[in-house]
């Protein structure tokens, strides 16, 4: 508890980080609250069919724009990108509120809501690219990432909960009006960020052709690699269920439980709460040799409670069942992503995950329209049963192949994992990120008196000492002796400066080495800084 409190103090006592994180809390609440509100509006107009179609209309443009949104922080000043994103989001959501308030034609409402949905797509990548420029040390950056995770989870609960209250008191127009204000407040907070211009200006520019090239390369990789393709399709199947739930929350609240449109927000909030609680348990997956059992368990715990909502429809039990489903969703998703990291060739890992993110948006759209069709043809209860059974059936069909993949997937070495977990800026990483770090660690052996790091050199490796001792000096002055569990080399990688000290082996050394790119990706949590680091390295070689 005291460690978590220290993490929050680190972030909240820094004015820049405090502003960015408070704005991000508002963003996450806005994203989920407005999504519920527009689906309620569509459902009350044309039932499940219109709600499903609207979900697709909002998701597809966002999916197309998403790859390009991730590159805005690599082309322009990152603080300004985030400020403009919040302003555009606030204006678009405000425009949607006006169209709802004046009872404009539905196509106008949906057009403004689509623009708002697209604007939301830009915030998260901009946030991820800015935060590393606002921190000074790896510990500060890791603390910020921990707070960001808590903020994101809180937004998933508070957004739908607030939407439920506003829908009960007024209607969708009130939800959009309130959260337009929240978005503009976020812009005001970001406006107050005072950052060093050189720190927030990307050193390299990424062209649109690079986006297409990386995206196509990802699909080519999956077409060639059978095992990663299977796991990606399984994870996308889970997203189909999530997309279906967006429509089912509304239909269940209004038609099945009779708790009104506000109930849709409460059911969604319950699911979000379960997902957050489930995330706390996924740390046990790091280093686990077999991931198919938790993957299968997650699918069952995700699906079965959804079906049980139809079997025993009750305003009391439904939120509990959806919360359990949220926990199962998180468990299965983390297990699946961890397995995907173990079996994907390291040189194409980022491409594989890029394709997964794109397919996730498409899967959400498929789930939304699928749920709408099921409700329209068979009713809400049948739709709940079918959607609840979908993922467990997929797991059952693929079980033999998954077990075969799982047996061949290499788990991290237990000794190495124990050492890396004790490093302050790696310790809070979620299971998939920790697994990725371990996958990229390379064993290295160094003889006595060999120079591991030389002061003034360009740094490209981070080292963890497994066995042996090193002496650390700077400008000829002895700074200390380090042994097993200690680590060296992080400053040059994170701050992009020459090595600040010389490290020499006193005894034979066994080390774990991590290259610049996976180190930055793990500590910063975003790929944009990795590309920036490449740009700096390229400029030095010219």
Protein backbone atom coordinates (compact mmCIF):
# COMPACT_ATOMS: atom_id res chain seq x y z
CA UNK A 1 0.00 0.00 0.00
CA UNK A 2 2.83 2.41 0.91
CA UNK A 3 4.58 1.61 -2.39
CA UNK A 4 1.41 2.39 -4.36
CA UNK A 5 1.04 5.61 -2.35
CA UNK A 6 4.62 6.57 -3.20
CA UNK A 7 3.89 5.99 -6.89
CA UNK A 8 0.89 8.33 -6.79
CA UNK A 9 2.83 10.98 -4.87
CA UNK A 10 5.61 10.87 -7.47
CA UNK A 11 3.15 11.70 -10.22
CA UNK A 12 0.75 14.03 -8.43
CA UNK A 13 3.49 16.28 -7.03
CA UNK A 14 4.77 16.97 -10.55
CA UNK A 15 2.58 19.73 -12.07
CA UNK A 16 3.00 18.56 -15.67
CA UNK A 17 2.28 14.90 -14.94
CA UNK A 18 -0.63 15.79 -12.67
CA UNK A 19 -2.26 17.83 -15.42
CA UNK A 20 -1.77 15.15 -18.06
CA UNK A 21 -3.09 12.34 -15.85
CA UNK A 22 -6.17 14.28 -14.70
CA UNK A 23 -6.97 15.09 -18.33
CA UNK A 24 -6.50 11.41 -19.19
CA UNK A 25 -8.95 10.37 -16.47
CA UNK A 26 -11.53 12.67 -18.03
CA UNK A 27 -10.74 11.25 -21.45
CA UNK A 28 -11.34 7.65 -20.38
CA UNK A 29 -14.61 8.59 -18.70
CA UNK A 30 -15.63 10.48 -21.84
CA UNK A 31 -14.82 7.59 -24.18
CA UNK A 32 -16.99 5.06 -22.37
CA UNK A 33 -19.79 7.40 -21.28
CA UNK A 34 -20.45 8.82 -24.75
CA UNK A 35 -20.31 5.34 -26.29
CA UNK A 36 -23.07 4.13 -23.98
CA UNK A 37 -25.09 7.30 -24.59
CA UNK A 38 -25.08 7.09 -28.40
CA UNK A 39 -26.03 3.40 -28.31
CA UNK A 40 -28.93 4.18 -25.95
CA UNK A 41 -30.08 6.90 -28.36
CA UNK A 42 -29.90 4.49 -31.30
CA UNK A 43 -31.65 1.69 -29.40
CA UNK A 44 -34.54 3.92 -28.34
CA UNK A 45 -34.95 5.05 -31.95
CA UNK A 46 -34.70 1.78 -33.84
CA UNK A 47 -34.04 -1.03 -31.38
CA UNK A 48 -31.07 -3.38 -31.43
CA UNK A 49 -30.78 -3.24 -35.22
CA UNK A 50 -30.09 0.50 -35.28
CA UNK A 51 -27.79 0.28 -32.26
CA UNK A 52 -25.71 -2.40 -33.98
CA UNK A 53 -25.47 -0.47 -37.24
CA UNK A 54 -24.49 2.72 -35.42
CA UNK A 55 -21.74 0.86 -33.53
CA UNK A 56 -20.30 -0.28 -36.86
CA UNK A 57 -20.59 3.22 -38.36
CA UNK A 58 -18.63 4.65 -35.44
CA UNK A 59 -16.02 1.88 -35.25
CA UNK A 60 -14.99 1.42 -38.88
CA UNK A 61 -13.73 4.99 -39.53
CA UNK A 62 -11.88 4.90 -36.22
CA UNK A 63 -10.24 1.60 -37.21
CA UNK A 64 -9.08 3.12 -40.51
CA UNK A 65 -7.68 6.22 -38.82
CA UNK A 66 -6.08 4.39 -35.86
CA UNK A 67 -2.74 3.44 -37.55
CA UNK A 68 -2.18 7.06 -38.57
CA UNK A 69 -3.23 8.42 -35.17
CA UNK A 70 -0.34 6.52 -33.62
CA UNK A 71 2.16 8.51 -35.71
CA UNK A 72 1.04 12.07 -34.93
CA UNK A 73 3.48 12.24 -32.02
CA UNK A 74 6.30 11.33 -34.40
CA UNK A 75 5.59 14.26 -36.72
CA UNK A 76 4.66 17.23 -34.52
CA UNK A 77 5.31 18.70 -31.07
CA UNK A 78 3.74 16.21 -28.70
CA UNK A 79 2.28 18.64 -26.17
CA UNK A 80 0.57 20.58 -28.95
CA UNK A 81 -0.73 17.40 -30.57
CA UNK A 82 -2.39 16.38 -27.31
CA UNK A 83 -3.83 19.88 -26.77
CA UNK A 84 -5.34 19.99 -30.27
CA UNK A 85 -6.72 16.48 -29.85
CA UNK A 86 -8.59 17.47 -26.68
CA UNK A 87 -9.93 20.64 -28.32
CA UNK A 88 -11.20 18.78 -31.39
CA UNK A 89 -12.72 16.08 -29.19
CA UNK A 90 -14.49 18.67 -27.03
CA UNK A 91 -15.89 20.52 -30.03
CA UNK A 92 -17.05 17.31 -31.76
CA UNK A 93 -18.73 15.96 -28.62
CA UNK A 94 -20.29 19.38 -27.99
CA UNK A 95 -21.64 19.44 -31.54
CA UNK A 96 -23.20 16.02 -30.96
CA UNK A 97 -24.81 17.33 -27.77
CA UNK A 98 -26.35 20.21 -29.72
CA UNK A 99 -27.75 17.92 -32.42
CA UNK A 100 -29.31 15.74 -29.73
CA UNK A 101 -30.73 18.73 -27.82
CA UNK A 102 -32.40 20.28 -30.89
CA UNK A 103 -33.67 16.88 -32.02
CA UNK A 104 -31.78 17.04 -35.32
CA UNK A 105 -32.15 14.41 -38.01
CA UNK A 106 -30.56 11.11 -36.94
CA UNK A 107 -28.01 11.16 -39.76
CA UNK A 108 -26.72 14.50 -38.48
CA UNK A 109 -26.46 13.11 -34.94
CA UNK A 110 -24.57 10.06 -36.15
CA UNK A 111 -22.28 12.15 -38.38
CA UNK A 112 -21.18 14.36 -35.48
CA UNK A 113 -20.87 11.31 -33.22
CA UNK A 114 -18.62 9.65 -35.82
CA UNK A 115 -16.35 12.70 -35.88
CA UNK A 116 -16.25 12.58 -32.08
CA UNK A 117 -15.39 8.87 -32.20
CA UNK A 118 -12.55 9.51 -34.64
CA UNK A 119 -11.20 12.34 -32.47
CA UNK A 120 -11.12 10.00 -29.47
CA UNK A 121 -8.83 7.66 -31.43
CA UNK A 122 -6.02 10.24 -31.35
CA UNK A 123 -5.80 10.88 -27.61
CA UNK A 124 -4.18 7.67 -26.34
CA UNK A 125 -1.22 7.63 -28.79
CA UNK A 126 -0.60 11.33 -28.15
CA UNK A 127 -0.61 10.71 -24.39
CA UNK A 128 1.82 7.81 -24.75
CA UNK A 129 4.25 9.86 -26.83
CA UNK A 130 4.21 12.89 -24.51
CA UNK A 131 4.63 11.29 -21.08
CA UNK A 132 8.25 10.06 -21.53
CA UNK A 133 9.30 13.62 -22.39
CA UNK A 134 7.89 14.87 -19.07
CA UNK A 135 9.83 12.47 -16.83
CA UNK A 136 13.47 12.49 -15.76
CA UNK A 137 14.26 8.96 -14.54
CA UNK A 138 13.14 5.39 -15.31
CA UNK A 139 11.50 5.19 -11.87
CA UNK A 140 9.46 8.34 -12.54
CA UNK A 141 8.40 7.04 -15.92
CA UNK A 142 7.37 3.68 -14.52
CA UNK A 143 5.43 5.39 -11.72
CA UNK A 144 3.61 7.45 -14.33
CA UNK A 145 2.75 4.34 -16.34
CA UNK A 146 1.36 2.68 -13.20
CA UNK A 147 -0.84 5.70 -12.49
CA UNK A 148 -1.92 5.77 -16.13
CA UNK A 149 -3.10 2.16 -15.83
CA UNK A 150 -5.08 2.96 -12.68
CA UNK A 151 -6.56 6.06 -14.32
CA UNK A 152 -7.58 4.09 -17.39
CA UNK A 153 -9.26 1.39 -15.32
CA UNK A 154 -11.03 3.98 -13.19
CA UNK A 155 -12.33 5.71 -16.30
CA UNK A 156 -13.84 2.44 -17.56
CA UNK A 157 -15.90 2.28 -14.37
CA UNK A 158 -16.65 5.94 -13.68
CA UNK A 159 -17.56 6.84 -17.27
CA UNK A 160 -20.43 4.36 -17.69
CA UNK A 161 -21.50 4.95 -14.08
CA UNK A 162 -21.78 8.69 -14.70
CA UNK A 163 -23.55 8.03 -17.98
CA UNK A 164 -26.07 5.86 -16.13
CA UNK A 165 -26.85 8.67 -13.69
CA UNK A 166 -27.18 11.29 -16.44
CA UNK A 167 -29.31 9.02 -18.62
CA UNK A 168 -31.63 8.45 -15.68
CA UNK A 169 -31.92 12.15 -14.87
CA UNK A 170 -32.03 13.49 -18.42
CA UNK A 171 -30.87 11.75 -21.60
CA UNK A 172 -28.04 11.21 -24.11
CA UNK A 173 -27.84 14.95 -24.81
CA UNK A 174 -26.87 15.59 -21.18
CA UNK A 175 -24.14 12.93 -21.34
CA UNK A 176 -22.59 14.51 -24.43
CA UNK A 177 -22.93 18.04 -23.03
CA UNK A 178 -21.25 17.18 -19.73
CA UNK A 179 -18.40 15.28 -21.35
CA UNK A 180 -17.84 17.97 -23.95
CA UNK A 181 -17.05 20.15 -20.96
CA UNK A 182 -14.81 17.43 -19.51
CA UNK A 183 -12.88 17.27 -22.81
CA UNK A 184 -12.42 21.04 -22.94
CA UNK A 185 -11.29 20.96 -19.30
CA UNK A 186 -8.73 18.37 -20.40
CA UNK A 187 -7.53 20.82 -23.06
CA UNK A 188 -7.15 23.52 -20.40
CA UNK A 189 -5.12 21.17 -18.23
CA UNK A 190 -2.81 20.22 -21.11
CA UNK A 191 -2.50 23.90 -22.08
CA UNK A 192 -0.86 24.45 -18.70
CA UNK A 193 1.86 21.84 -19.30
CA UNK A 194 5.30 23.48 -19.36
CA UNK A 195 7.70 21.24 -21.22
CA UNK A 196 11.12 21.74 -22.76
CA UNK A 197 10.44 22.23 -26.51
CA UNK A 198 13.42 20.07 -27.46
CA UNK A 199 12.10 17.22 -25.29
CA UNK A 200 8.62 17.18 -26.85
CA UNK A 201 9.68 17.69 -30.47
CA UNK A 202 10.30 14.40 -32.31
CA UNK A 203 13.80 14.20 -33.83
CA UNK A 204 12.58 12.24 -36.85
CA UNK A 205 9.56 12.35 -39.12
CA UNK A 206 7.48 9.34 -40.12
CA UNK A 207 5.70 9.40 -43.49
CA UNK A 208 2.30 7.94 -44.31
CA UNK A 209 4.04 5.38 -46.51
CA UNK A 210 5.75 4.00 -43.39
CA UNK A 211 2.35 3.38 -41.83
CA UNK A 212 1.11 1.38 -44.79
CA UNK A 213 4.38 -0.52 -45.08
CA UNK A 214 4.31 -1.63 -41.43
CA UNK A 215 0.62 -2.55 -41.58
CA UNK A 216 1.02 -4.67 -44.71
CA UNK A 217 4.14 -6.29 -43.26
CA UNK A 218 2.12 -7.35 -40.24
CA UNK A 219 -0.50 -9.11 -42.34
CA UNK A 220 2.22 -10.79 -44.41
CA UNK A 221 3.84 -12.06 -41.22
CA UNK A 222 0.60 -13.61 -39.95
CA UNK A 223 -0.11 -15.20 -43.32
CA UNK A 224 3.27 -16.95 -43.04
CA UNK A 225 3.29 -17.77 -39.29
CA UNK A 226 0.51 -20.27 -38.44
CA UNK A 227 0.82 -20.33 -34.65
CA UNK A 228 0.73 -16.55 -34.07
CA UNK A 229 -2.14 -16.35 -36.57
CA UNK A 230 -4.17 -18.82 -34.51
CA UNK A 231 -3.68 -16.91 -31.26
CA UNK A 232 -4.44 -13.57 -32.94
CA UNK A 233 -7.73 -14.97 -34.27
CA UNK A 234 -8.57 -16.28 -30.80
CA UNK A 235 -7.95 -12.87 -29.23
CA UNK A 236 -10.03 -11.24 -31.97
CA UNK A 237 -12.84 -13.69 -31.13
CA UNK A 238 -12.78 -12.35 -27.58
CA UNK A 239 -13.17 -8.83 -28.97
CA UNK A 240 -16.23 -9.98 -30.91
CA UNK A 241 -17.87 -10.77 -27.57
CA UNK A 242 -16.84 -7.36 -26.18
CA UNK A 243 -18.40 -5.67 -29.20
CA UNK A 244 -21.58 -7.67 -28.74
CA UNK A 245 -21.77 -6.62 -25.09
CA UNK A 246 -21.94 -2.95 -26.08
CA UNK A 247 -25.34 -3.60 -27.64
CA UNK A 248 -26.36 -6.23 -25.08
CA UNK A 249 -25.85 -3.87 -22.12
CA UNK A 250 -28.46 -1.54 -23.60
CA UNK A 251 -30.90 -4.25 -24.67
CA UNK A 252 -30.58 -6.16 -21.40
CA UNK A 253 -31.20 -3.06 -19.27
CA UNK A 254 -34.16 -1.75 -21.26
CA UNK A 255 -35.91 -4.87 -22.58
CA UNK A 256 -34.92 -7.76 -20.31
CA UNK A 257 -34.47 -6.21 -16.87
CA UNK A 258 -36.72 -3.19 -17.27
CA UNK A 259 -34.33 -0.90 -15.40
CA UNK A 260 -34.35 1.78 -18.09
CA UNK A 261 -31.62 3.38 -20.12
CA UNK A 262 -29.60 4.33 -17.04
CA UNK A 263 -29.21 0.61 -16.37
CA UNK A 264 -27.06 0.27 -19.50
CA UNK A 265 -24.45 2.49 -17.88
CA UNK A 266 -24.56 0.56 -14.63
CA UNK A 267 -24.13 -2.81 -16.36
CA UNK A 268 -21.20 -1.49 -18.38
CA UNK A 269 -19.63 -0.05 -15.21
CA UNK A 270 -19.96 -3.44 -13.49
CA UNK A 271 -18.16 -5.13 -16.38
CA UNK A 272 -15.40 -2.50 -16.21
CA UNK A 273 -15.03 -2.99 -12.45
CA UNK A 274 -14.64 -6.73 -12.93
CA UNK A 275 -12.01 -6.18 -15.62
CA UNK A 276 -9.98 -3.93 -13.31
CA UNK A 277 -10.16 -6.42 -10.44
CA UNK A 278 -9.22 -9.25 -12.79
CA UNK A 279 -6.12 -7.36 -13.88
CA UNK A 280 -4.70 -7.52 -10.35
CA UNK A 281 -4.67 -11.32 -10.53
CA UNK A 282 -2.86 -11.61 -13.87
CA UNK A 283 0.57 -11.04 -12.32
CA UNK A 284 0.62 -14.78 -11.51
CA UNK A 285 0.80 -15.49 -15.26
CA UNK A 286 4.33 -14.09 -15.58
CA UNK A 287 6.73 -17.00 -15.95
CA UNK A 288 3.96 -19.62 -15.88
CA UNK A 289 5.02 -22.52 -18.09
CA UNK A 290 1.56 -23.39 -19.43
CA UNK A 291 -0.83 -20.66 -20.50
CA UNK A 292 -3.60 -22.67 -22.16
CA UNK A 293 -5.33 -23.48 -18.81
CA UNK A 294 -5.73 -19.81 -17.77
CA UNK A 295 -6.62 -18.94 -21.36
CA UNK A 296 -9.40 -21.53 -21.35
CA UNK A 297 -10.50 -20.58 -17.83
CA UNK A 298 -10.71 -16.94 -18.87
CA UNK A 299 -12.89 -17.83 -21.85
CA UNK A 300 -15.28 -19.85 -19.67
CA UNK A 301 -15.45 -17.22 -16.92
CA UNK A 302 -16.00 -14.56 -19.58
CA UNK A 303 -18.74 -16.40 -21.45
CA UNK A 304 -20.75 -18.43 -18.94
CA UNK A 305 -21.89 -15.48 -16.76
CA UNK A 306 -23.19 -13.70 -19.86
CA UNK A 307 -25.38 -16.69 -20.62
CA UNK A 308 -26.51 -16.91 -16.99
CA UNK A 309 -27.87 -13.36 -17.20
CA UNK A 310 -30.47 -14.76 -19.62
CA UNK A 311 -31.20 -17.84 -17.51
CA UNK A 312 -31.80 -15.88 -14.29
CA UNK A 313 -32.62 -12.30 -15.36
CA UNK A 314 -32.46 -10.04 -12.32
CA UNK A 315 -31.44 -6.43 -11.70
CA UNK A 316 -29.48 -7.69 -8.69
CA UNK A 317 -27.62 -10.63 -10.21
CA UNK A 318 -26.95 -9.16 -13.68
CA UNK A 319 -24.33 -6.59 -12.55
CA UNK A 320 -22.57 -9.28 -10.51
CA UNK A 321 -22.52 -11.68 -13.44
CA UNK A 322 -21.23 -9.01 -15.82
CA UNK A 323 -18.51 -8.11 -13.29
CA UNK A 324 -17.41 -11.77 -13.19
CA UNK A 325 -17.40 -11.78 -17.00
CA UNK A 326 -15.16 -8.71 -16.96
CA UNK A 327 -12.64 -10.51 -14.76
CA UNK A 328 -12.66 -13.52 -17.08
CA UNK A 329 -12.15 -11.29 -20.09
CA UNK A 330 -9.02 -9.77 -18.54
CA UNK A 331 -7.58 -13.14 -17.52
CA UNK A 332 -8.06 -14.66 -20.97
CA UNK A 333 -6.80 -11.58 -22.79
CA UNK A 334 -3.59 -11.34 -20.76
CA UNK A 335 -2.92 -15.08 -21.06
CA UNK A 336 -3.50 -14.94 -24.82
CA UNK A 337 -1.27 -11.92 -25.37
CA UNK A 338 1.46 -13.47 -23.24
CA UNK A 339 1.31 -16.69 -25.25
CA UNK A 340 1.43 -14.66 -28.47
CA UNK A 341 4.64 -12.98 -27.30
CA UNK A 342 6.26 -16.33 -26.52
CA UNK A 343 5.58 -17.87 -29.91
CA UNK A 344 6.03 -14.89 -32.25
CA UNK A 345 9.49 -14.34 -33.79
CA UNK A 346 11.01 -11.37 -31.97
CA UNK A 347 11.86 -9.49 -35.15
CA UNK A 348 8.17 -9.37 -36.21
CA UNK A 349 6.54 -9.07 -32.78
CA UNK A 350 5.56 -5.42 -33.11
CA UNK A 351 4.00 -6.09 -36.51
CA UNK A 352 1.96 -8.98 -35.12
CA UNK A 353 0.58 -6.80 -32.33
CA UNK A 354 -0.11 -4.01 -34.81
CA UNK A 355 -2.33 -6.35 -36.82
CA UNK A 356 -4.00 -7.51 -33.60
CA UNK A 357 -4.98 -3.95 -32.68
CA UNK A 358 -6.46 -3.37 -36.13
CA UNK A 359 -8.38 -6.65 -36.07
CA UNK A 360 -9.69 -5.81 -32.60
CA UNK A 361 -11.52 -2.76 -33.96
CA UNK A 362 -13.00 -4.86 -36.76
CA UNK A 363 -13.99 -7.60 -34.30
CA UNK A 364 -15.79 -5.07 -32.10
CA UNK A 365 -17.83 -4.00 -35.13
CA UNK A 366 -18.62 -7.63 -36.04
CA UNK A 367 -19.74 -8.31 -32.47
CA UNK A 368 -21.98 -5.25 -32.38
CA UNK A 369 -23.79 -6.07 -35.61
CA UNK A 370 -23.94 -9.77 -34.69
CA UNK A 371 -25.62 -9.03 -31.37
CA UNK A 372 -28.07 -6.70 -33.10
CA UNK A 373 -29.08 -9.43 -35.57
CA UNK A 374 -29.47 -12.03 -32.81
CA UNK A 375 -31.65 -9.72 -30.72
CA UNK A 376 -33.76 -8.73 -33.70
CA UNK A 377 -34.37 -12.34 -34.81
CA UNK A 378 -34.37 -14.35 -31.56
CA UNK A 379 -34.66 -11.87 -28.69
CA UNK A 380 -32.36 -10.63 -25.93
CA UNK A 381 -32.21 -13.84 -23.88
CA UNK A 382 -31.23 -16.02 -26.82
CA UNK A 383 -28.63 -13.46 -27.87
CA UNK A 384 -27.09 -13.54 -24.38
CA UNK A 385 -26.88 -17.34 -24.44
CA UNK A 386 -25.36 -17.45 -27.94
CA UNK A 387 -22.80 -14.71 -27.24
CA UNK A 388 -21.95 -16.29 -23.89
CA UNK A 389 -21.34 -19.68 -25.50
CA UNK A 390 -19.34 -18.34 -28.45
CA UNK A 391 -15.87 -18.02 -26.88
CA UNK A 392 -15.95 -21.28 -24.84
CA UNK A 393 -16.90 -23.11 -28.06
CA UNK A 394 -14.02 -21.47 -29.95
CA UNK A 395 -11.62 -22.54 -27.20
CA UNK A 396 -13.00 -26.09 -27.27
CA UNK A 397 -12.56 -26.36 -31.04
CA UNK A 398 -9.00 -25.02 -30.92
CA UNK A 399 -7.94 -26.72 -27.67
CA UNK A 400 -5.71 -29.40 -29.21
CA UNK A 401 -3.86 -26.86 -31.35
CA UNK A 402 -3.49 -24.46 -28.42
CA UNK A 403 -2.09 -27.20 -26.18
CA UNK A 404 0.41 -28.12 -28.89
CA UNK A 405 1.50 -24.49 -29.24
CA UNK A 406 1.69 -24.07 -25.47
CA UNK A 407 3.96 -27.10 -25.05
CA UNK A 408 6.46 -25.65 -27.52
CA UNK A 409 6.38 -22.10 -26.14
CA UNK A 410 9.35 -21.31 -23.93
CA UNK A 411 8.64 -19.76 -20.53
CA UNK A 412 11.16 -17.31 -19.03
CA UNK A 413 13.93 -18.71 -16.83
CA UNK A 414 12.75 -18.57 -13.20
CA UNK A 415 16.07 -17.26 -11.82
CA UNK A 416 16.28 -14.51 -14.42
CA UNK A 417 12.64 -13.56 -13.90
CA UNK A 418 13.14 -13.24 -10.14
CA UNK A 419 16.05 -10.83 -10.68
CA UNK A 420 14.30 -8.68 -13.28
CA UNK A 421 11.13 -8.44 -11.19
CA UNK A 422 13.13 -6.72 -8.43
CA UNK A 423 14.23 -3.88 -10.71
CA UNK A 424 12.09 -0.87 -9.68
CA UNK A 425 11.11 0.27 -13.17
CA UNK A 426 10.24 -3.26 -14.34
CA UNK A 427 8.45 -4.46 -11.19
CA UNK A 428 5.07 -2.75 -11.90
CA UNK A 429 4.87 -3.98 -15.51
CA UNK A 430 1.77 -6.01 -16.41
CA UNK A 431 2.26 -9.65 -17.33
CA UNK A 432 2.49 -9.27 -21.14
CA UNK A 433 5.02 -6.44 -20.87
CA UNK A 434 7.15 -8.40 -18.37
CA UNK A 435 7.09 -11.44 -20.64
CA UNK A 436 8.21 -9.27 -23.55
CA UNK A 437 11.15 -7.99 -21.51
CA UNK A 438 12.18 -11.55 -20.61
CA UNK A 439 11.87 -12.68 -24.23
CA UNK A 440 14.26 -9.95 -25.34
CA UNK A 441 16.85 -10.54 -22.59
CA UNK A 442 20.06 -12.12 -23.92
CA UNK A 443 22.51 -14.07 -21.69
CA UNK A 444 26.03 -12.60 -21.81
CA UNK A 445 29.30 -13.77 -20.23
CA UNK A 446 32.23 -11.43 -19.55
CA UNK A 447 35.71 -12.30 -18.28
CA UNK A 448 37.53 -10.61 -15.35
CA UNK A 449 38.94 -7.11 -16.01
CA UNK A 450 36.93 -6.71 -19.21
CA UNK A 451 35.25 -3.34 -19.77
CA UNK A 452 31.49 -3.74 -19.88
CA UNK A 453 30.63 -0.04 -20.29
CA UNK A 454 33.06 2.76 -21.13
CA UNK A 455 32.34 6.34 -20.05
CA UNK A 456 31.57 8.59 -23.03
CA UNK A 457 30.58 5.77 -25.39
CA UNK A 458 27.19 5.60 -27.07
CA UNK A 459 24.93 3.26 -25.08
CA UNK A 460 22.82 0.60 -26.74
CA UNK A 461 22.49 -2.09 -24.03
CA UNK A 462 21.04 -2.36 -20.53
CA UNK A 463 22.60 -5.01 -18.24
CA UNK A 464 21.36 -7.00 -15.25
CA UNK A 465 24.05 -8.79 -13.22
CA UNK A 466 23.14 -12.44 -12.61
CA UNK A 467 26.45 -13.55 -11.09
CA UNK A 468 29.76 -11.81 -10.36
CA UNK A 469 30.85 -8.29 -9.44
CA UNK A 470 31.66 -5.07 -11.32
CA UNK A 471 33.45 -1.86 -10.34
CA UNK A 472 31.87 1.45 -11.34
CA UNK A 473 34.03 4.55 -11.89
CA UNK A 474 33.47 8.04 -13.30
CA UNK A 475 36.32 10.32 -14.36
CA UNK A 476 38.68 7.95 -12.60
CA UNK A 477 36.83 8.13 -9.29
CA UNK A 478 35.57 4.91 -7.69
CA UNK A 479 31.76 5.03 -7.32
CA UNK A 480 31.05 1.57 -6.00
CA UNK A 481 30.94 -2.17 -6.50
CA UNK A 482 27.82 -3.94 -7.75
CA UNK A 483 26.84 -7.60 -7.56
CA UNK A 484 23.99 -9.98 -8.45
CA UNK A 485 20.64 -8.24 -8.91
CA UNK A 486 22.19 -4.86 -9.70
CA UNK A 487 21.76 -3.24 -13.09
CA UNK A 488 23.69 -0.71 -15.20
CA UNK A 489 23.27 1.22 -18.43
CA UNK A 490 19.73 2.60 -18.16
CA UNK A 491 20.60 6.32 -18.15
CA UNK A 492 22.19 6.40 -21.59
CA UNK A 493 19.26 4.53 -23.12
CA UNK A 494 16.49 6.54 -21.53
CA UNK A 495 17.98 10.05 -21.80
CA UNK A 496 19.90 9.42 -25.03
CA UNK A 497 23.22 10.65 -23.62
CA UNK A 498 26.72 9.11 -23.71
CA UNK A 499 27.63 6.59 -21.04
CA UNK A 500 28.05 8.43 -17.73
CA UNK A 501 30.40 5.92 -16.06
CA UNK A 502 32.81 3.07 -16.75
CA UNK A 503 31.90 -0.43 -15.58
CA UNK A 504 34.63 -3.10 -15.38
CA UNK A 505 34.25 -6.78 -14.42
CA UNK A 506 36.06 -7.67 -11.18
CA UNK A 507 35.18 -11.37 -11.52
CA UNK A 508 33.73 -13.59 -14.24
CA UNK A 509 30.28 -12.20 -15.03
CA UNK A 510 26.98 -13.69 -16.08
CA UNK A 511 24.64 -10.98 -17.32
CA UNK A 512 21.31 -10.41 -18.99
CA UNK A 513 21.47 -7.80 -21.75
CA UNK A 514 18.53 -5.85 -23.17
CA UNK A 515 18.85 -3.74 -26.32
CA UNK A 516 17.74 -0.11 -26.53
CA UNK A 517 14.51 -0.70 -28.47
CA UNK A 518 12.85 -3.31 -26.20
CA UNK A 519 14.12 -1.43 -23.13
CA UNK A 520 12.44 1.81 -24.21
CA UNK A 521 9.30 -0.01 -25.28
CA UNK A 522 9.00 -1.67 -21.87
CA UNK A 523 9.76 1.39 -19.75
CA UNK A 524 7.88 3.99 -21.76
CA UNK A 525 5.02 1.74 -22.82
CA UNK A 526 4.86 3.11 -26.35
CA UNK A 527 6.61 2.48 -29.68
CA UNK A 528 6.89 6.14 -30.72
CA UNK A 529 9.95 6.78 -28.53
CA UNK A 530 11.59 3.71 -30.05
CA UNK A 531 11.25 5.17 -33.54
CA UNK A 532 12.59 8.49 -32.27
CA UNK A 533 15.62 6.67 -30.83
CA UNK A 534 16.19 5.05 -34.23
CA UNK A 535 16.08 8.48 -35.87
CA UNK A 536 18.74 9.80 -33.48
CA UNK A 537 20.95 6.77 -34.09
CA UNK A 538 20.57 7.13 -37.86
CA UNK A 539 21.53 10.81 -37.73
CA UNK A 540 24.75 9.92 -35.88
CA UNK A 541 25.72 7.39 -38.53
CA UNK A 542 25.37 9.85 -41.41
